[in-house]
Amino acid sequence: MRKPLVVALCALAFAGAGAAPAVAAAPSPTGADTTTGAGPTTLMDVVNSTVGTAADTLNGLTAPKEGAVNFAGTVSLSNCSGSVVRMPDSAADDPALVLTNGHCLESGFPAPGQVVVDQASSRTFGLLNSSGSKVATLRADRLLYATMTDTDAAVYRLGTTYAQIKSAYGIDPLTLADSHPQAGTAISVVSGYWKRIYSCSVDGFVYRMKEGDWTWKDSVRYTSECNTIGGTSGSPVVDDATRTVVAVNNTGNEDGERCTVNNPCEVDESGNVTVRQGINYAQQTYQFPACFGVDNKLELSASGCVLPKP
């Protein structure tokens, strides 16, 4: 999981316009993604110009081009990224949902084996349009689901419907794919926090990924172009062809260590461990549609729902 976001900012600031951090791994549960409150706004006020220029030099970072995946429907959290999502069968008058990482909860990381369901929430999210401009503040009324066991995901329910968001801001939700992604698929990791898009491909899948005390199953491994940084945790991973969400960005190996915090390792079916320094990962989301029913109600006992249960 990763360096604190403030450290990443400072590294970019000191690097200047012509350099990038030595390692830019994906955000992890122990990084600055977990900071509550307003985040590094003050620091950004000081170094925004330098950081913005330096960040643009990172491989895989792109501004949205016409016809390409863009920021519409993504959100910024105080400490992470996320997106307004719908299930394939969601209706326009259903309460809207927001997807991010389990390690982005305001309350801190869920413990291994812990599943959080149906809790009151008033968390806010900055809704972005296609160009990455904030057009609204959305507010949750429930945290429907969150865990860091087998996956790293959290789903909030808003007090607003998809139709109301569309009517007020002209923005549609992103749709969660209900099938397993394929290796080689061109993808975009869209960060609402940083207003940056990382473009790469699905390099493959990890039988088990271990980081500190947590273990995740069938994780998505990116090709090296997606060198995500702190603050991108919870970003939707979008299939460039179908424009559906196939995963949620969550971590990467920063320092080349083995299975430690900020340094996830890959474990195959035989127990062999592989460390890929500088490579980043996401957790698949195709399991979620089977666990949500009419009116976007969470139904963990539904047939076909394989998400971890409390």
Foldseek 3Di string as FASTA:
>chain_A
DAAAPVVLQVQQQVQFLPDHDPFQKFAALPYNLQDDDQAPPVVCVVRVVRNVNSVVPAFQWDFDDVLWQFQFQKWAFSRATWGWEDEPPADQFFFIKIKFWLSNDNVGHDAALDKDAWDAFFGWIFGAHRRLDGDDIWTFGTFGIAHLAQFTMTMTTTPGGQNRCCVVPVGGGAYAAQDADDFFFWKWFQASNVSIIGTFTFHAWFQWKAEARYIHGGKTWTPLSCSHHGRSGHTFIARGVVRHGFWTWHAFAAPQDDRYHRWMWGQHPVGDIHGDHNIGITHTDSLPSQQADYSRHGRCPGPSRDDRDD
